[in-house]
Amino acid sequence: MIRCIDITKDYAIHRGRRRVLDHVSFDLERGQKLGVLGRNGAGKSTLIRIIGGVEMPTAGEIQRNMTTSWPLAFGGAFQGSLSGIDNLRFICRIYDLDYLETRAFVDDFAELGRQLGEPVKTYSSGMRARLAFALTIAIEFECYLIDEVIMVGDSRFTRRCKEELFEKRADRSIILVSHDMNFISEVCDSAAVISNSHFHVCDTVPEAIAFHERN
């Protein structure tokens, strides 16, 4: 289980502070697929960065009893002056992965070709997302944090993303941030909406979509 307890996040602005998340509390069970809806700037990506440990909350606590991925498509963990291959080697050392096996998987999945040997700072956002996705999938996490921006590239890559996450890893927990209500309806068994800094857990996915459309 992942338990969010009174998560609050404030950002300093020109005149004072802006509250993005206000006392967000919910539990994510093993195997649960939670879709998170909200307008642009509502705090969806901020929430999954906090859950993934990339960003700290202003107040509140995250309790994790599952191994949790970094937010997919988050490229901030890459060392930009190093090549994709060097970043891959570092991840392999951290997570005790076989380098040759992981390299073969990333080569096949990310389809970066010779650019995998180039510095990550020269990559486009789509290339960084492909590399981040491939490296994340190479590690068998119990919970995956997904931002819809991972669905980049051609239809083949998108299809492979869905196959890896929602078919081969159907037993894993997922938190999916998306504007695509059809996609959330297709792959999630529960949903919530972030509106006016508050986190509204709904009984069903259709109820969450209706709430989102009203707000």
N, C-alpha and C. Protein backbone atom coordinates (compact mmCIF):
# COMPACT_ATOMS: atom_id res chain seq x y z
N MET A 1 0.84 -1.20 0.00
CA MET A 1 0.00 0.00 0.00
C MET A 1 0.88 1.25 0.00
N ILE A 2 0.39 2.30 -0.67
CA ILE A 2 0.96 3.64 -0.54
C ILE A 2 -0.11 4.50 0.14
N ARG A 3 0.29 5.18 1.18
CA ARG A 3 -0.66 6.01 1.94
C ARG A 3 -0.18 7.46 1.94
N CYS A 4 -1.02 8.33 1.40
CA CYS A 4 -0.76 9.77 1.45
C CYS A 4 -1.56 10.36 2.62
N ILE A 5 -0.86 11.04 3.51
CA ILE A 5 -1.49 11.56 4.72
C ILE A 5 -1.32 13.08 4.77
N ASP A 6 -2.42 13.79 4.54
CA ASP A 6 -2.45 15.26 4.65
C ASP A 6 -1.32 15.94 3.87
N ILE A 7 -1.14 15.53 2.60
CA ILE A 7 -0.09 16.12 1.78
C ILE A 7 -0.49 17.54 1.38
N THR A 8 0.37 18.48 1.73
CA THR A 8 0.17 19.88 1.38
C THR A 8 1.41 20.38 0.65
N LYS A 9 1.20 21.15 -0.41
CA LYS A 9 2.33 21.70 -1.16
C LYS A 9 2.07 23.16 -1.48
N ASP A 10 2.97 24.02 -1.02
CA ASP A 10 2.92 25.45 -1.30
C ASP A 10 4.13 25.84 -2.12
N TYR A 11 3.96 26.81 -3.02
CA TYR A 11 5.07 27.38 -3.77
C TYR A 11 5.13 28.88 -3.51
N ALA A 12 6.34 29.39 -3.40
CA ALA A 12 6.52 30.84 -3.25
C ALA A 12 6.22 31.52 -4.58
N ILE A 13 5.45 32.57 -4.54
CA ILE A 13 5.17 33.37 -5.73
C ILE A 13 5.53 34.83 -5.43
N HIS A 14 5.30 35.69 -6.40
CA HIS A 14 5.71 37.08 -6.26
C HIS A 14 5.10 37.73 -5.02
N ARG A 15 3.84 37.42 -4.77
CA ARG A 15 3.18 38.00 -3.60
C ARG A 15 2.70 36.88 -2.68
N GLY A 16 3.60 36.40 -1.86
CA GLY A 16 3.21 35.39 -0.89
C GLY A 16 3.44 33.99 -1.38
N ARG A 17 2.46 33.11 -1.13
CA ARG A 17 2.59 31.69 -1.47
C ARG A 17 1.31 31.19 -2.13
N ARG A 18 1.48 30.20 -3.02
CA ARG A 18 0.34 29.59 -3.69
C ARG A 18 0.24 28.14 -3.25
N ARG A 19 -0.92 27.74 -2.78
CA ARG A 19 -1.14 26.36 -2.36
C ARG A 19 -1.65 25.55 -3.54
N VAL A 20 -0.90 24.51 -3.90
CA VAL A 20 -1.26 23.66 -5.03
C VAL A 20 -2.02 22.43 -4.55
N LEU A 21 -1.58 21.84 -3.44
CA LEU A 21 -2.24 20.68 -2.85
C LEU A 21 -2.57 20.99 -1.39
N ASP A 22 -3.81 20.70 -1.01
CA ASP A 22 -4.28 21.09 0.31
C ASP A 22 -4.79 19.86 1.07
N HIS A 23 -3.95 19.31 1.95
CA HIS A 23 -4.33 18.19 2.81
C HIS A 23 -4.89 17.00 2.00
N VAL A 24 -4.08 16.53 1.07
CA VAL A 24 -4.47 15.39 0.23
C VAL A 24 -4.21 14.09 1.00
N SER A 25 -5.25 13.27 1.13
CA SER A 25 -5.12 11.98 1.82
C SER A 25 -5.84 10.90 1.02
N PHE A 26 -5.14 9.79 0.76
CA PHE A 26 -5.77 8.63 0.13
C PHE A 26 -4.83 7.44 0.24
N ASP A 27 -5.37 6.24 0.03
CA ASP A 27 -4.59 5.01 0.03
C ASP A 27 -4.62 4.39 -1.37
N LEU A 28 -3.50 3.84 -1.79
CA LEU A 28 -3.43 3.09 -3.04
C LEU A 28 -3.09 1.65 -2.68
N GLU A 29 -4.00 0.73 -3.01
CA GLU A 29 -3.81 -0.68 -2.67
C GLU A 29 -2.97 -1.38 -3.74
N ARG A 30 -2.44 -2.54 -3.38
CA ARG A 30 -1.70 -3.34 -4.35
C ARG A 30 -2.61 -3.73 -5.52
N GLY A 31 -2.13 -3.52 -6.73
CA GLY A 31 -2.88 -3.85 -7.92
C GLY A 31 -3.87 -2.80 -8.37
N GLN A 32 -4.08 -1.76 -7.56
CA GLN A 32 -5.06 -0.72 -7.91
C GLN A 32 -4.51 0.17 -9.01
N LYS A 33 -5.38 0.55 -9.95
CA LYS A 33 -5.04 1.47 -11.03
C LYS A 33 -5.83 2.75 -10.83
N LEU A 34 -5.16 3.80 -10.36
CA LEU A 34 -5.82 5.06 -10.02
C LEU A 34 -5.53 6.11 -11.08
N GLY A 35 -6.60 6.63 -11.71
CA GLY A 35 -6.46 7.73 -12.64
C GLY A 35 -6.67 9.05 -11.91
N VAL A 36 -5.84 10.05 -12.22
CA VAL A 36 -5.95 11.36 -11.59
C VAL A 36 -6.23 12.40 -12.67
N LEU A 37 -7.38 13.05 -12.55
CA LEU A 37 -7.81 14.08 -13.49
C LEU A 37 -7.66 15.46 -12.86
N GLY A 38 -7.62 16.48 -13.71
CA GLY A 38 -7.55 17.85 -13.23
C GLY A 38 -7.15 18.78 -14.36
N ARG A 39 -7.49 20.04 -14.19
CA ARG A 39 -7.13 21.03 -15.20
C ARG A 39 -5.62 21.24 -15.23
N ASN A 40 -5.12 21.92 -16.27
CA ASN A 40 -3.70 22.26 -16.33
C ASN A 40 -3.34 23.10 -15.11
N GLY A 41 -2.25 22.73 -14.46
CA GLY A 41 -1.80 23.47 -13.29
C GLY A 41 -2.51 23.11 -12.01
N ALA A 42 -3.36 22.08 -12.05
CA ALA A 42 -4.12 21.72 -10.85
C ALA A 42 -3.25 21.08 -9.78
N GLY A 43 -2.12 20.51 -10.17
CA GLY A 43 -1.24 19.86 -9.19
C GLY A 43 -1.06 18.38 -9.40
N LYS A 44 -1.52 17.86 -10.53
CA LYS A 44 -1.44 16.42 -10.79
C LYS A 44 0.01 15.92 -10.83
N SER A 45 0.82 16.57 -11.65
CA SER A 45 2.21 16.15 -11.77
C SER A 45 2.97 16.40 -10.47
N THR A 46 2.62 17.47 -9.78
CA THR A 46 3.25 17.74 -8.48
C THR A 46 2.99 16.59 -7.52
N LEU A 47 1.77 16.07 -7.53
CA LEU A 47 1.42 14.98 -6.62
C LEU A 47 2.25 13.73 -6.91
N ILE A 48 2.38 13.35 -8.18
CA ILE A 48 3.14 12.12 -8.44
C ILE A 48 4.63 12.33 -8.23
N ARG A 49 5.13 13.56 -8.39
CA ARG A 49 6.53 13.82 -8.06
C ARG A 49 6.76 13.65 -6.55
N ILE A 50 5.80 14.09 -5.75
CA ILE A 50 5.91 13.93 -4.30
C ILE A 50 5.85 12.46 -3.92
N ILE A 51 4.90 11.73 -4.51
CA ILE A 51 4.78 10.30 -4.21
C ILE A 51 6.04 9.56 -4.62
N GLY A 52 6.66 9.97 -5.73
CA GLY A 52 7.87 9.33 -6.21
C GLY A 52 9.13 9.77 -5.50
N GLY A 53 9.02 10.74 -4.59
CA GLY A 53 10.17 11.20 -3.84
C GLY A 53 11.05 12.18 -4.58
N VAL A 54 10.58 12.67 -5.73
CA VAL A 54 11.34 13.64 -6.51
C VAL A 54 11.23 15.03 -5.89
N GLU A 55 10.10 15.30 -5.27
CA GLU A 55 9.82 16.59 -4.65
C GLU A 55 9.28 16.35 -3.25
N MET A 56 9.59 17.24 -2.34
CA MET A 56 9.13 17.10 -0.96
C MET A 56 7.85 17.90 -0.73
N PRO A 57 6.93 17.38 0.07
CA PRO A 57 5.73 18.16 0.40
C PRO A 57 6.08 19.26 1.40
N THR A 58 5.28 20.29 1.41
CA THR A 58 5.42 21.33 2.43
C THR A 58 5.04 20.77 3.79
N ALA A 59 4.03 19.92 3.80
CA ALA A 59 3.59 19.25 5.02
C ALA A 59 2.94 17.93 4.63
N GLY A 60 2.83 17.03 5.60
CA GLY A 60 2.21 15.74 5.34
C GLY A 60 3.25 14.63 5.23
N GLU A 61 2.77 13.43 4.96
CA GLU A 61 3.63 12.25 4.98
C GLU A 61 3.20 11.23 3.93
N ILE A 62 4.20 10.58 3.33
CA ILE A 62 3.96 9.46 2.41
C ILE A 62 4.46 8.19 3.07
N GLN A 63 3.62 7.19 3.18
CA GLN A 63 4.03 5.88 3.68
C GLN A 63 3.99 4.89 2.52
N ARG A 64 5.12 4.24 2.26
CA ARG A 64 5.23 3.32 1.12
C ARG A 64 5.57 1.92 1.61
N ASN A 65 4.74 0.97 1.25
CA ASN A 65 5.03 -0.44 1.50
C ASN A 65 5.19 -1.20 0.19
N MET A 66 5.41 -0.44 -0.88
CA MET A 66 5.66 -1.02 -2.20
C MET A 66 6.85 -0.29 -2.82
N THR A 67 7.62 -1.01 -3.64
CA THR A 67 8.65 -0.33 -4.41
C THR A 67 7.96 0.54 -5.46
N THR A 68 8.41 1.77 -5.58
CA THR A 68 7.71 2.76 -6.41
C THR A 68 8.67 3.37 -7.42
N SER A 69 8.23 3.46 -8.65
CA SER A 69 9.07 4.04 -9.70
C SER A 69 9.19 5.55 -9.51
N TRP A 70 10.18 6.13 -10.18
CA TRP A 70 10.15 7.57 -10.35
C TRP A 70 9.03 7.88 -11.34
N PRO A 71 8.54 9.11 -11.40
CA PRO A 71 7.49 9.42 -12.39
C PRO A 71 7.98 9.18 -13.81
N LEU A 72 7.30 8.31 -14.53
CA LEU A 72 7.69 8.03 -15.90
C LEU A 72 7.65 9.31 -16.72
N ALA A 73 8.66 9.48 -17.54
CA ALA A 73 8.90 10.66 -18.36
C ALA A 73 9.61 11.74 -17.58
N PHE A 74 9.89 11.51 -16.28
CA PHE A 74 10.69 12.49 -15.54
C PHE A 74 12.15 12.29 -15.88
N GLY A 75 12.77 13.28 -16.53
CA GLY A 75 14.15 13.16 -16.95
C GLY A 75 15.12 13.87 -16.03
N GLY A 76 14.63 14.41 -14.92
CA GLY A 76 15.49 15.17 -14.03
C GLY A 76 16.57 14.35 -13.38
N ALA A 77 16.40 13.02 -13.34
CA ALA A 77 17.40 12.17 -12.70
C ALA A 77 18.60 11.92 -13.62
N PHE A 78 18.49 12.26 -14.90
CA PHE A 78 19.60 12.03 -15.82
C PHE A 78 20.69 13.09 -15.63
N GLN A 79 21.94 12.66 -15.77
CA GLN A 79 23.06 13.58 -15.81
C GLN A 79 23.23 14.00 -17.25
N GLY A 80 22.90 15.26 -17.54
CA GLY A 80 22.82 15.72 -18.91
C GLY A 80 24.11 15.66 -19.69
N SER A 81 25.25 15.81 -19.02
CA SER A 81 26.52 15.80 -19.74
C SER A 81 26.98 14.40 -20.08
N LEU A 82 26.35 13.39 -19.46
CA LEU A 82 26.68 12.00 -19.76
C LEU A 82 25.78 11.48 -20.88
N SER A 83 26.24 10.46 -21.55
CA SER A 83 25.44 9.85 -22.62
C SER A 83 24.31 9.03 -22.03
N GLY A 84 23.37 8.65 -22.90
CA GLY A 84 22.31 7.75 -22.47
C GLY A 84 22.88 6.44 -21.96
N ILE A 85 23.95 5.95 -22.61
CA ILE A 85 24.58 4.69 -22.20
C ILE A 85 25.18 4.83 -20.80
N ASP A 86 25.85 5.95 -20.53
CA ASP A 86 26.46 6.14 -19.21
C ASP A 86 25.39 6.25 -18.13
N ASN A 87 24.27 6.93 -18.44
CA ASN A 87 23.17 6.99 -17.48
C ASN A 87 22.59 5.60 -17.25
N LEU A 88 22.51 4.80 -18.31
CA LEU A 88 22.02 3.43 -18.21
C LEU A 88 22.94 2.61 -17.29
N ARG A 89 24.25 2.76 -17.47
CA ARG A 89 25.20 2.04 -16.61
C ARG A 89 24.99 2.40 -15.14
N PHE A 90 24.77 3.68 -14.88
CA PHE A 90 24.58 4.13 -13.51
C PHE A 90 23.32 3.49 -12.90
N ILE A 91 22.22 3.49 -13.66
CA ILE A 91 20.98 2.87 -13.18
C ILE A 91 21.19 1.38 -12.92
N CYS A 92 21.95 0.73 -13.79
CA CYS A 92 22.22 -0.70 -13.60
C CYS A 92 22.97 -0.95 -12.30
N ARG A 93 23.93 -0.09 -11.98
CA ARG A 93 24.68 -0.25 -10.74
C ARG A 93 23.78 -0.02 -9.52
N ILE A 94 22.95 1.02 -9.59
CA ILE A 94 22.09 1.36 -8.46
C ILE A 94 21.10 0.24 -8.17
N TYR A 95 20.50 -0.34 -9.22
CA TYR A 95 19.45 -1.34 -9.06
C TYR A 95 19.95 -2.77 -9.27
N ASP A 96 21.26 -2.93 -9.40
CA ASP A 96 21.87 -4.25 -9.54
C ASP A 96 21.28 -5.02 -10.72
N LEU A 97 21.24 -4.35 -11.87
CA LEU A 97 20.73 -4.96 -13.10
C LEU A 97 21.89 -5.43 -13.96
N ASP A 98 21.66 -6.48 -14.73
CA ASP A 98 22.66 -6.94 -15.68
C ASP A 98 22.77 -5.91 -16.81
N TYR A 99 23.99 -5.37 -17.01
CA TYR A 99 24.15 -4.29 -17.97
C TYR A 99 23.81 -4.71 -19.39
N LEU A 100 24.36 -5.82 -19.85
CA LEU A 100 24.16 -6.22 -21.25
C LEU A 100 22.70 -6.51 -21.53
N GLU A 101 22.03 -7.18 -20.60
CA GLU A 101 20.61 -7.48 -20.78
C GLU A 101 19.78 -6.20 -20.79
N THR A 102 20.08 -5.28 -19.88
CA THR A 102 19.34 -4.03 -19.80
C THR A 102 19.61 -3.16 -21.02
N ARG A 103 20.87 -3.14 -21.47
CA ARG A 103 21.23 -2.36 -22.66
C ARG A 103 20.47 -2.87 -23.87
N ALA A 104 20.37 -4.18 -24.02
CA ALA A 104 19.65 -4.75 -25.16
C ALA A 104 18.17 -4.36 -25.11
N PHE A 105 17.59 -4.40 -23.90
CA PHE A 105 16.17 -4.04 -23.77
C PHE A 105 15.96 -2.57 -24.12
N VAL A 106 16.81 -1.69 -23.58
CA VAL A 106 16.66 -0.25 -23.82
C VAL A 106 16.88 0.07 -25.30
N ASP A 107 17.88 -0.55 -25.91
CA ASP A 107 18.12 -0.35 -27.34
C ASP A 107 16.88 -0.69 -28.16
N ASP A 108 16.27 -1.82 -27.84
CA ASP A 108 15.11 -2.28 -28.59
C ASP A 108 13.89 -1.42 -28.32
N PHE A 109 13.70 -1.04 -27.05
CA PHE A 109 12.45 -0.37 -26.68
C PHE A 109 12.48 1.12 -27.00
N ALA A 110 13.55 1.81 -26.61
CA ALA A 110 13.60 3.26 -26.80
C ALA A 110 13.85 3.65 -28.25
N GLU A 111 14.50 2.77 -29.01
CA GLU A 111 14.77 3.01 -30.43
C GLU A 111 15.50 4.34 -30.65
N LEU A 112 16.54 4.57 -29.84
CA LEU A 112 17.32 5.81 -29.96
C LEU A 112 18.53 5.63 -30.87
N GLY A 113 18.87 4.38 -31.19
CA GLY A 113 19.99 4.13 -32.10
C GLY A 113 21.30 4.71 -31.59
N ARG A 114 22.05 5.33 -32.51
CA ARG A 114 23.36 5.88 -32.15
C ARG A 114 23.25 7.03 -31.15
N GLN A 115 22.06 7.65 -31.09
CA GLN A 115 21.91 8.78 -30.16
C GLN A 115 21.98 8.36 -28.70
N LEU A 116 21.85 7.05 -28.43
CA LEU A 116 22.02 6.57 -27.07
C LEU A 116 23.44 6.86 -26.57
N GLY A 117 24.39 7.01 -27.49
CA GLY A 117 25.76 7.32 -27.13
C GLY A 117 26.04 8.81 -27.03
N GLU A 118 25.03 9.65 -27.29
CA GLU A 118 25.18 11.10 -27.22
C GLU A 118 24.79 11.62 -25.84
N PRO A 119 25.28 12.82 -25.44
CA PRO A 119 24.89 13.40 -24.14
C PRO A 119 23.38 13.59 -24.06
N VAL A 120 22.81 13.28 -22.91
CA VAL A 120 21.36 13.38 -22.74
C VAL A 120 20.88 14.82 -22.92
N LYS A 121 21.74 15.80 -22.61
CA LYS A 121 21.33 17.20 -22.75
C LYS A 121 21.05 17.58 -24.20
N THR A 122 21.48 16.75 -25.15
CA THR A 122 21.21 17.02 -26.55
C THR A 122 19.90 16.38 -27.01
N TYR A 123 19.26 15.62 -26.15
CA TYR A 123 18.03 14.92 -26.52
C TYR A 123 16.84 15.87 -26.55
N SER A 124 15.89 15.57 -27.39
CA SER A 124 14.60 16.25 -27.33
C SER A 124 13.82 15.73 -26.12
N SER A 125 12.75 16.40 -25.76
CA SER A 125 11.94 15.94 -24.63
C SER A 125 11.37 14.55 -24.91
N GLY A 126 11.01 14.28 -26.16
CA GLY A 126 10.48 12.97 -26.51
C GLY A 126 11.52 11.87 -26.37
N MET A 127 12.77 12.16 -26.75
CA MET A 127 13.84 11.19 -26.61
C MET A 127 14.14 10.90 -25.15
N ARG A 128 14.13 11.94 -24.32
CA ARG A 128 14.35 11.75 -22.88
C ARG A 128 13.23 10.90 -22.29
N ALA A 129 12.00 11.16 -22.74
CA ALA A 129 10.87 10.38 -22.25
C ALA A 129 11.00 8.92 -22.64
N ARG A 130 11.43 8.65 -23.86
CA ARG A 130 11.62 7.27 -24.30
C ARG A 130 12.67 6.56 -23.46
N LEU A 131 13.78 7.25 -23.20
CA LEU A 131 14.84 6.65 -22.39
C LEU A 131 14.36 6.40 -20.96
N ALA A 132 13.67 7.40 -20.39
CA ALA A 132 13.17 7.24 -19.02
C ALA A 132 12.18 6.09 -18.94
N PHE A 133 11.31 5.97 -19.93
CA PHE A 133 10.32 4.90 -19.92
C PHE A 133 11.00 3.54 -20.02
N ALA A 134 11.93 3.41 -20.94
CA ALA A 134 12.61 2.12 -21.14
C ALA A 134 13.36 1.71 -19.88
N LEU A 135 14.06 2.65 -19.25
CA LEU A 135 14.81 2.32 -18.04
C LEU A 135 13.89 1.96 -16.89
N THR A 136 12.75 2.63 -16.80
CA THR A 136 11.81 2.33 -15.72
C THR A 136 11.22 0.94 -15.89
N ILE A 137 10.83 0.60 -17.12
CA ILE A 137 10.24 -0.70 -17.38
C ILE A 137 11.26 -1.82 -17.18
N ALA A 138 12.55 -1.51 -17.33
CA ALA A 138 13.59 -2.52 -17.12
C ALA A 138 13.68 -2.93 -15.65
N ILE A 139 13.10 -2.12 -14.76
CA ILE A 139 13.11 -2.41 -13.32
C ILE A 139 11.71 -2.84 -12.93
N GLU A 140 11.60 -3.95 -12.22
CA GLU A 140 10.28 -4.48 -11.88
C GLU A 140 9.77 -3.85 -10.58
N PHE A 141 9.21 -2.64 -10.71
CA PHE A 141 8.61 -1.97 -9.56
C PHE A 141 7.24 -2.57 -9.26
N GLU A 142 6.79 -2.39 -8.03
CA GLU A 142 5.45 -2.84 -7.64
C GLU A 142 4.40 -1.77 -7.92
N CYS A 143 4.84 -0.51 -8.04
CA CYS A 143 3.93 0.59 -8.36
C CYS A 143 4.61 1.51 -9.35
N TYR A 144 3.88 1.85 -10.42
CA TYR A 144 4.40 2.75 -11.44
C TYR A 144 3.63 4.08 -11.41
N LEU A 145 4.38 5.17 -11.48
CA LEU A 145 3.81 6.51 -11.52
C LEU A 145 3.94 7.02 -12.95
N ILE A 146 2.81 7.34 -13.56
CA ILE A 146 2.80 7.60 -15.00
C ILE A 146 2.18 8.95 -15.31
N ASP A 147 2.89 9.73 -16.08
CA ASP A 147 2.36 10.96 -16.64
C ASP A 147 2.06 10.69 -18.10
N GLU A 148 0.95 11.18 -18.59
CA GLU A 148 0.54 10.84 -19.96
C GLU A 148 1.57 11.27 -21.00
N VAL A 149 2.49 12.15 -20.64
CA VAL A 149 3.47 12.57 -21.64
C VAL A 149 4.41 11.44 -22.03
N ILE A 150 4.36 10.30 -21.33
CA ILE A 150 5.17 9.17 -21.78
C ILE A 150 4.67 8.63 -23.11
N MET A 151 3.42 8.87 -23.42
CA MET A 151 2.87 8.33 -24.65
C MET A 151 3.32 9.20 -25.83
N VAL A 152 4.61 9.12 -26.11
CA VAL A 152 5.19 9.95 -27.15
C VAL A 152 5.60 9.07 -28.32
N GLY A 153 5.76 9.72 -29.47
CA GLY A 153 6.24 8.98 -30.63
C GLY A 153 5.11 8.39 -31.45
N ASP A 154 5.47 7.37 -32.21
CA ASP A 154 4.51 6.80 -33.15
C ASP A 154 3.58 5.82 -32.45
N SER A 155 2.60 5.34 -33.21
CA SER A 155 1.59 4.45 -32.64
C SER A 155 2.20 3.13 -32.16
N ARG A 156 3.28 2.69 -32.81
CA ARG A 156 3.93 1.45 -32.39
C ARG A 156 4.51 1.60 -30.98
N PHE A 157 5.20 2.71 -30.74
CA PHE A 157 5.78 2.93 -29.42
C PHE A 157 4.69 3.05 -28.36
N THR A 158 3.63 3.78 -28.67
CA THR A 158 2.52 3.92 -27.73
C THR A 158 1.90 2.56 -27.41
N ARG A 159 1.74 1.73 -28.44
CA ARG A 159 1.18 0.40 -28.25
C ARG A 159 2.07 -0.46 -27.35
N ARG A 160 3.39 -0.35 -27.54
CA ARG A 160 4.31 -1.11 -26.71
C ARG A 160 4.30 -0.62 -25.26
N CYS A 161 4.16 0.70 -25.08
CA CYS A 161 4.05 1.25 -23.72
C CYS A 161 2.86 0.63 -23.00
N LYS A 162 1.73 0.62 -23.66
CA LYS A 162 0.52 0.07 -23.04
C LYS A 162 0.65 -1.42 -22.77
N GLU A 163 1.27 -2.13 -23.70
CA GLU A 163 1.45 -3.57 -23.51
C GLU A 163 2.33 -3.87 -22.30
N GLU A 164 3.44 -3.13 -22.17
CA GLU A 164 4.36 -3.36 -21.06
C GLU A 164 3.71 -3.03 -19.72
N LEU A 165 2.97 -1.94 -19.68
CA LEU A 165 2.42 -1.47 -18.40
C LEU A 165 1.11 -2.15 -18.01
N PHE A 166 0.21 -2.28 -18.96
CA PHE A 166 -1.15 -2.67 -18.61
C PHE A 166 -1.49 -4.11 -18.95
N GLU A 167 -0.61 -4.78 -19.67
CA GLU A 167 -0.82 -6.20 -19.95
C GLU A 167 0.21 -7.07 -19.23
N LYS A 168 1.49 -6.85 -19.50
CA LYS A 168 2.53 -7.66 -18.87
C LYS A 168 2.62 -7.41 -17.36
N ARG A 169 2.24 -6.21 -16.93
CA ARG A 169 2.32 -5.86 -15.52
C ARG A 169 0.93 -5.54 -14.96
N ALA A 170 -0.02 -6.36 -15.35
CA ALA A 170 -1.41 -6.12 -14.93
C ALA A 170 -1.61 -6.24 -13.43
N ASP A 171 -0.68 -6.90 -12.74
CA ASP A 171 -0.82 -7.07 -11.30
C ASP A 171 -0.23 -5.90 -10.50
N ARG A 172 0.39 -4.92 -11.18
CA ARG A 172 1.04 -3.83 -10.47
C ARG A 172 0.07 -2.70 -10.17
N SER A 173 0.42 -1.91 -9.19
CA SER A 173 -0.33 -0.69 -8.89
C SER A 173 0.14 0.42 -9.84
N ILE A 174 -0.78 1.30 -10.17
CA ILE A 174 -0.45 2.40 -11.09
C ILE A 174 -1.20 3.66 -10.65
N ILE A 175 -0.49 4.79 -10.68
CA ILE A 175 -1.14 6.10 -10.59
C ILE A 175 -0.90 6.77 -11.93
N LEU A 176 -1.97 7.07 -12.63
CA LEU A 176 -1.91 7.61 -13.99
C LEU A 176 -2.49 9.01 -14.01
N VAL A 177 -1.66 9.98 -14.38
CA VAL A 177 -2.10 11.36 -14.57
C VAL A 177 -2.37 11.57 -16.05
N SER A 178 -3.57 12.01 -16.38
CA SER A 178 -3.91 12.15 -17.80
C SER A 178 -5.06 13.12 -18.00
N HIS A 179 -5.08 13.73 -19.20
CA HIS A 179 -6.23 14.51 -19.63
C HIS A 179 -7.16 13.67 -20.50
N ASP A 180 -6.70 12.49 -20.87
CA ASP A 180 -7.45 11.63 -21.79
C ASP A 180 -8.41 10.76 -20.99
N MET A 181 -9.67 11.18 -20.93
CA MET A 181 -10.65 10.47 -20.13
C MET A 181 -10.99 9.10 -20.70
N ASN A 182 -10.89 8.95 -22.02
CA ASN A 182 -11.10 7.63 -22.62
C ASN A 182 -10.01 6.66 -22.18
N PHE A 183 -8.78 7.14 -22.14
CA PHE A 183 -7.65 6.30 -21.72
C PHE A 183 -7.81 5.89 -20.25
N ILE A 184 -8.18 6.84 -19.39
CA ILE A 184 -8.39 6.52 -17.98
C ILE A 184 -9.54 5.52 -17.83
N SER A 185 -10.59 5.69 -18.58
CA SER A 185 -11.72 4.75 -18.53
C SER A 185 -11.29 3.36 -18.95
N GLU A 186 -10.35 3.30 -19.91
CA GLU A 186 -9.91 2.01 -20.46
C GLU A 186 -9.03 1.24 -19.49
N VAL A 187 -8.12 1.94 -18.77
CA VAL A 187 -7.09 1.22 -18.02
C VAL A 187 -7.20 1.32 -16.50
N CYS A 188 -8.03 2.24 -15.99
CA CYS A 188 -8.09 2.45 -14.53
C CYS A 188 -9.35 1.84 -13.92
N ASP A 189 -9.21 1.37 -12.68
CA ASP A 189 -10.36 0.85 -11.96
C ASP A 189 -10.86 1.81 -10.89
N SER A 190 -10.20 2.96 -10.73
CA SER A 190 -10.62 3.99 -9.79
C SER A 190 -10.08 5.32 -10.28
N ALA A 191 -10.65 6.41 -9.78
CA ALA A 191 -10.22 7.72 -10.25
C ALA A 191 -10.51 8.79 -9.21
N ALA A 192 -9.75 9.88 -9.34
CA ALA A 192 -9.92 11.02 -8.45
C ALA A 192 -9.68 12.28 -9.26
N VAL A 193 -10.10 13.40 -8.71
CA VAL A 193 -9.97 14.70 -9.40
C VAL A 193 -9.30 15.69 -8.45
N ILE A 194 -8.30 16.41 -8.95
CA ILE A 194 -7.73 17.52 -8.20
C ILE A 194 -8.39 18.80 -8.71
N SER A 195 -9.06 19.50 -7.79
CA SER A 195 -9.76 20.73 -8.13
C SER A 195 -9.63 21.71 -6.97
N ASN A 196 -9.19 22.92 -7.29
CA ASN A 196 -9.01 23.95 -6.25
C ASN A 196 -8.16 23.44 -5.09
N SER A 197 -7.09 22.74 -5.44
CA SER A 197 -6.09 22.24 -4.49
C SER A 197 -6.55 21.03 -3.69
N HIS A 198 -7.79 20.61 -3.85
CA HIS A 198 -8.32 19.50 -3.08
C HIS A 198 -8.39 18.23 -3.94
N PHE A 199 -8.25 17.09 -3.29
CA PHE A 199 -8.22 15.79 -3.95
C PHE A 199 -9.55 15.09 -3.68
N HIS A 200 -10.33 14.90 -4.74
CA HIS A 200 -11.66 14.32 -4.61
C HIS A 200 -11.65 12.87 -5.12
N VAL A 201 -11.74 11.91 -4.21
CA VAL A 201 -11.82 10.51 -4.59
C VAL A 201 -13.27 10.16 -4.91
N CYS A 202 -13.49 9.59 -6.08
CA CYS A 202 -14.85 9.26 -6.51
C CYS A 202 -15.09 7.76 -6.45
N ASP A 203 -16.35 7.39 -6.36
CA ASP A 203 -16.70 5.97 -6.23
C ASP A 203 -16.41 5.18 -7.49
N THR A 204 -16.56 5.80 -8.66
CA THR A 204 -16.33 5.12 -9.93
C THR A 204 -15.58 6.05 -10.87
N VAL A 205 -15.01 5.47 -11.92
CA VAL A 205 -14.32 6.28 -12.93
C VAL A 205 -15.31 7.20 -13.65
N PRO A 206 -16.48 6.73 -14.09
CA PRO A 206 -17.43 7.66 -14.73
C PRO A 206 -17.83 8.82 -13.82
N GLU A 207 -17.95 8.57 -12.52
CA GLU A 207 -18.29 9.64 -11.59
C GLU A 207 -17.17 10.68 -11.53
N ALA A 208 -15.92 10.22 -11.56
CA ALA A 208 -14.79 11.14 -11.54
C ALA A 208 -14.76 11.99 -12.82
N ILE A 209 -15.04 11.36 -13.95
CA ILE A 209 -15.05 12.09 -15.20
C ILE A 209 -16.15 13.15 -15.19
N ALA A 210 -17.32 12.80 -14.69
CA ALA A 210 -18.43 13.76 -14.61
C ALA A 210 -18.07 14.91 -13.69
N PHE A 211 -17.44 14.60 -12.57
CA PHE A 211 -17.03 15.65 -11.63
C PHE A 211 -16.02 16.58 -12.28
N HIS A 212 -15.06 15.99 -12.99
CA HIS A 212 -14.03 16.78 -13.67
C HIS A 212 -14.66 17.71 -14.71
N GLU A 213 -15.62 17.22 -15.46
CA GLU A 213 -16.25 18.04 -16.50
C GLU A 213 -17.06 19.18 -15.91
N ARG A 214 -17.60 18.96 -14.70
CA ARG A 214 -18.36 20.04 -14.05
C ARG A 214 -17.45 21.10 -13.44
N ASN A 215 -16.20 20.73 -13.19
CA ASN A 215 -15.30 21.65 -12.50
C ASN A 215 -14.12 22.06 -13.37
